[in-house]
Amino acid sequence: MIREYEQKRKMRRILSSPLILALLAIVLLFLINGAWNIWQKDRESSAALQSAEERLARLKDRQAGFQSAIANLQTESGVEAEIRDKFDLAKAGEREVVIVDGNSASTTQTAPSSESFLQKIWDFFTIR
């Protein structure tokens, strides 16, 4: 029993020695540094994943637009509409029609008056 007590005391003295505590502190610093590096890489990979997912969504939208344009160009009316749009062409016998809105046609612009600035001020303060 005394022997066991002496062994425990010797072990405590060895473990609480400054050299062992310094070695444990160094090991702890290496472990903290490794955990910090892993955490930073996890954040970087999460940001890269989010960026890649956003890019994938944009590319899928573009693909859907291209597929609808291809489907439209596979019809005769789609090809005709694209040719009319791109090359500003019309069929034989077609003419351009300009439709004028009734409200915009009734608006007229007034000609600028020939009175000078001083004449306008004089007219403002005098009664006619």
C-alpha atoms as a PDB file:
ATOM      1  CA  MET A   1       0.000   0.000   0.000  1.00  0.00           C
ATOM      2  CA  ILE A   2       2.795   2.413   0.743  1.00  0.00           C
ATOM      3  CA  ARG A   3       4.512   1.239  -2.381  1.00  0.00           C
ATOM      4  CA  GLU A   4       1.397   2.040  -4.442  1.00  0.00           C
ATOM      5  CA  TYR A   5       1.201   5.471  -2.862  1.00  0.00           C
ATOM      6  CA  GLU A   6       4.853   6.135  -3.685  1.00  0.00           C
ATOM      7  CA  GLN A   7       4.348   5.017  -7.282  1.00  0.00           C
ATOM      8  CA  LYS A   8       1.322   7.317  -7.698  1.00  0.00           C
ATOM      9  CA  ARG A   9       3.247  10.179  -6.144  1.00  0.00           C
ATOM     10  CA  LYS A  10       6.216   9.559  -8.434  1.00  0.00           C
ATOM     11  CA  MET A  11       3.902   9.444 -11.464  1.00  0.00           C
ATOM     12  CA  ARG A  12       2.233  12.732 -10.451  1.00  0.00           C
ATOM     13  CA  ARG A  13       5.609  14.356  -9.996  1.00  0.00           C
ATOM     14  CA  ILE A  14       6.737  13.203 -13.448  1.00  0.00           C
ATOM     15  CA  LEU A  15       3.486  14.296 -15.163  1.00  0.00           C
ATOM     16  CA  SER A  16       3.468  17.676 -13.475  1.00  0.00           C
ATOM     17  CA  SER A  17       7.082  18.419 -14.287  1.00  0.00           C
ATOM     18  CA  PRO A  18       7.654  21.549 -16.420  1.00  0.00           C
ATOM     19  CA  LEU A  19       9.285  19.535 -19.216  1.00  0.00           C
ATOM     20  CA  ILE A  20       6.293  17.212 -19.637  1.00  0.00           C
ATOM     21  CA  LEU A  21       3.847  20.130 -19.405  1.00  0.00           C
ATOM     22  CA  ALA A  22       5.821  22.015 -22.085  1.00  0.00           C
ATOM     23  CA  LEU A  23       5.785  18.940 -24.344  1.00  0.00           C
ATOM     24  CA  LEU A  24       2.023  18.541 -23.826  1.00  0.00           C
ATOM     25  CA  ALA A  25       1.513  22.246 -24.618  1.00  0.00           C
ATOM     26  CA  ILE A  26       3.503  21.864 -27.873  1.00  0.00           C
ATOM     27  CA  VAL A  27       1.453  18.799 -28.848  1.00  0.00           C
ATOM     28  CA  LEU A  28      -1.722  20.731 -28.039  1.00  0.00           C
ATOM     29  CA  LEU A  29      -0.601  23.639 -30.261  1.00  0.00           C
ATOM     30  CA  PHE A  30       0.042  21.253 -33.171  1.00  0.00           C
ATOM     31  CA  LEU A  31      -3.415  19.733 -32.712  1.00  0.00           C
ATOM     32  CA  ILE A  32      -5.065  23.162 -32.601  1.00  0.00           C
ATOM     33  CA  ASN A  33      -3.155  24.245 -35.725  1.00  0.00           C
ATOM     34  CA  GLY A  34      -4.289  21.116 -37.587  1.00  0.00           C
ATOM     35  CA  ALA A  35      -7.903  21.631 -36.549  1.00  0.00           C
ATOM     36  CA  TRP A  36      -7.708  25.298 -37.632  1.00  0.00           C
ATOM     37  CA  ASN A  37      -6.356  24.342 -41.070  1.00  0.00           C
ATOM     38  CA  ILE A  38      -9.097  21.753 -41.531  1.00  0.00           C
ATOM     39  CA  TRP A  39     -11.754  24.307 -40.556  1.00  0.00           C
ATOM     40  CA  GLN A  40     -10.372  26.857 -43.069  1.00  0.00           C
ATOM     41  CA  LYS A  41     -10.313  24.275 -45.860  1.00  0.00           C
ATOM     42  CA  ASP A  42     -13.892  23.314 -45.019  1.00  0.00           C
ATOM     43  CA  ARG A  43     -14.989  26.954 -45.351  1.00  0.00           C
ATOM     44  CA  GLU A  44     -13.151  27.330 -48.679  1.00  0.00           C
ATOM     45  CA  SER A  45     -14.661  24.145 -50.069  1.00  0.00           C
ATOM     46  CA  SER A  46     -18.151  25.199 -48.937  1.00  0.00           C
ATOM     47  CA  ALA A  47     -17.758  28.528 -50.743  1.00  0.00           C
ATOM     48  CA  ALA A  48     -16.456  26.769 -53.856  1.00  0.00           C
ATOM     49  CA  LEU A  49     -19.373  24.334 -53.755  1.00  0.00           C
ATOM     50  CA  GLN A  50     -21.905  27.149 -53.492  1.00  0.00           C
ATOM     51  CA  SER A  51     -20.261  28.977 -56.391  1.00  0.00           C
ATOM     52  CA  ALA A  52     -20.292  25.821 -58.504  1.00  0.00           C
ATOM     53  CA  GLU A  53     -23.966  25.192 -57.718  1.00  0.00           C
ATOM     54  CA  GLU A  54     -24.882  28.758 -58.734  1.00  0.00           C
ATOM     55  CA  ARG A  55     -22.935  28.382 -61.973  1.00  0.00           C
ATOM     56  CA  LEU A  56     -24.646  25.059 -62.648  1.00  0.00           C
ATOM     57  CA  ALA A  57     -28.057  26.680 -62.161  1.00  0.00           C
ATOM     58  CA  ARG A  58     -27.152  29.485 -64.601  1.00  0.00           C
ATOM     59  CA  LEU A  59     -25.902  26.959 -67.149  1.00  0.00           C
ATOM     60  CA  LYS A  60     -29.086  24.904 -66.822  1.00  0.00           C
ATOM     61  CA  ASP A  61     -31.133  28.057 -67.459  1.00  0.00           C
ATOM     62  CA  ARG A  62     -29.061  28.803 -70.560  1.00  0.00           C
ATOM     63  CA  GLN A  63     -29.462  25.210 -71.726  1.00  0.00           C
ATOM     64  CA  ALA A  64     -33.250  25.437 -71.335  1.00  0.00           C
ATOM     65  CA  GLY A  65     -33.249  28.668 -73.362  1.00  0.00           C
ATOM     66  CA  PHE A  66     -31.148  27.086 -76.084  1.00  0.00           C
ATOM     67  CA  GLN A  67     -33.386  24.023 -76.210  1.00  0.00           C
ATOM     68  CA  SER A  68     -36.509  26.163 -76.571  1.00  0.00           C
ATOM     69  CA  ALA A  69     -34.816  28.179 -79.339  1.00  0.00           C
ATOM     70  CA  ILE A  70     -33.829  24.953 -81.104  1.00  0.00           C
ATOM     71  CA  ALA A  71     -37.376  23.620 -80.788  1.00  0.00           C
ATOM     72  CA  ASN A  72     -38.693  26.894 -82.224  1.00  0.00           C
ATOM     73  CA  LEU A  73     -36.249  26.741 -85.147  1.00  0.00           C
ATOM     74  CA  GLN A  74     -37.401  23.225 -86.018  1.00  0.00           C
ATOM     75  CA  THR A  75     -40.785  24.603 -87.093  1.00  0.00           C
ATOM     76  CA  GLU A  76     -41.347  26.491 -90.311  1.00  0.00           C
ATOM     77  CA  SER A  77     -42.952  29.453 -88.557  1.00  0.00           C
ATOM     78  CA  GLY A  78     -40.025  29.659 -86.124  1.00  0.00           C
ATOM     79  CA  VAL A  79     -37.499  29.717 -88.956  1.00  0.00           C
ATOM     80  CA  GLU A  80     -39.541  32.389 -90.761  1.00  0.00           C
ATOM     81  CA  ALA A  81     -39.796  34.526 -87.617  1.00  0.00           C
ATOM     82  CA  GLU A  82     -36.049  34.253 -86.998  1.00  0.00           C
ATOM     83  CA  ILE A  83     -35.218  35.214 -90.593  1.00  0.00           C
ATOM     84  CA  ARG A  84     -37.600  38.199 -90.422  1.00  0.00           C
ATOM     85  CA  ASP A  85     -36.052  39.275 -87.123  1.00  0.00           C
ATOM     86  CA  LYS A  86     -32.399  38.863 -88.092  1.00  0.00           C
ATOM     87  CA  PHE A  87     -32.457  40.091 -91.672  1.00  0.00           C
ATOM     88  CA  ASP A  88     -35.475  42.448 -91.609  1.00  0.00           C
ATOM     89  CA  LEU A  89     -37.093  40.683 -94.570  1.00  0.00           C
ATOM     90  CA  ALA A  90     -40.708  40.535 -95.717  1.00  0.00           C
ATOM     91  CA  LYS A  91     -42.642  38.208 -97.987  1.00  0.00           C
ATOM     92  CA  ALA A  92     -43.502  39.254-101.536  1.00  0.00           C
ATOM     93  CA  GLY A  93     -46.476  41.607-101.509  1.00  0.00           C
ATOM     94  CA  GLU A  94     -46.147  42.554 -97.842  1.00  0.00           C
ATOM     95  CA  ARG A  95     -45.855  46.206 -96.887  1.00  0.00           C
ATOM     96  CA  GLU A  96     -44.948  48.019 -93.729  1.00  0.00           C
ATOM     97  CA  VAL A  97     -47.873  49.492 -91.801  1.00  0.00           C
ATOM     98  CA  VAL A  98     -47.352  52.271 -89.289  1.00  0.00           C
ATOM     99  CA  ILE A  99     -50.097  52.586 -86.707  1.00  0.00           C
ATOM    100  CA  VAL A 100     -50.331  55.992 -85.076  1.00  0.00           C
ATOM    101  CA  ASP A 101     -51.979  56.235 -81.684  1.00  0.00           C
ATOM    102  CA  GLY A 102     -54.788  58.843 -81.597  1.00  0.00           C
ATOM    103  CA  ASN A 103     -53.531  60.392 -78.352  1.00  0.00           C
ATOM    104  CA  SER A 104     -50.000  60.947 -79.526  1.00  0.00           C
ATOM    105  CA  ALA A 105     -51.109  62.448 -82.842  1.00  0.00           C
ATOM    106  CA  SER A 106     -53.124  65.186 -81.136  1.00  0.00           C
ATOM    107  CA  THR A 107     -50.192  66.479 -79.131  1.00  0.00           C
ATOM    108  CA  THR A 108     -48.510  69.394 -80.804  1.00  0.00           C
ATOM    109  CA  GLN A 109     -45.376  71.188 -79.904  1.00  0.00           C
ATOM    110  CA  THR A 110     -45.545  74.891 -79.365  1.00  0.00           C
ATOM    111  CA  ALA A 111     -42.971  77.072 -81.004  1.00  0.00           C
ATOM    112  CA  PRO A 112     -40.708  78.895 -78.594  1.00  0.00           C
ATOM    113  CA  SER A 113     -41.836  82.466 -78.067  1.00  0.00           C
ATOM    114  CA  SER A 114     -39.778  85.272 -79.489  1.00  0.00           C
ATOM    115  CA  GLU A 115     -40.082  87.393 -76.321  1.00  0.00           C
ATOM    116  CA  SER A 116     -36.929  88.014 -74.413  1.00  0.00           C
ATOM    117  CA  PHE A 117     -36.441  87.057 -70.805  1.00  0.00           C
ATOM    118  CA  LEU A 118     -36.705  90.629 -69.599  1.00  0.00           C
ATOM    119  CA  GLN A 119     -39.894  91.112 -71.606  1.00  0.00           C
ATOM    120  CA  LYS A 120     -41.437  88.076 -69.891  1.00  0.00           C
ATOM    121  CA  ILE A 121     -40.549  89.461 -66.462  1.00  0.00           C
ATOM    122  CA  TRP A 122     -42.012  92.869 -67.396  1.00  0.00           C
ATOM    123  CA  ASP A 123     -45.209  91.195 -68.629  1.00  0.00           C
ATOM    124  CA  PHE A 124     -45.456  89.202 -65.398  1.00  0.00           C
ATOM    125  CA  PHE A 125     -45.386  92.283 -63.154  1.00  0.00           C
ATOM    126  CA  THR A 126     -47.536  94.520 -65.317  1.00  0.00           C
ATOM    127  CA  ILE A 127     -51.248  94.109 -65.810  1.00  0.00           C
ATOM    128  CA  ARG A 128     -52.556  94.183 -69.331  1.00  0.00           C
END
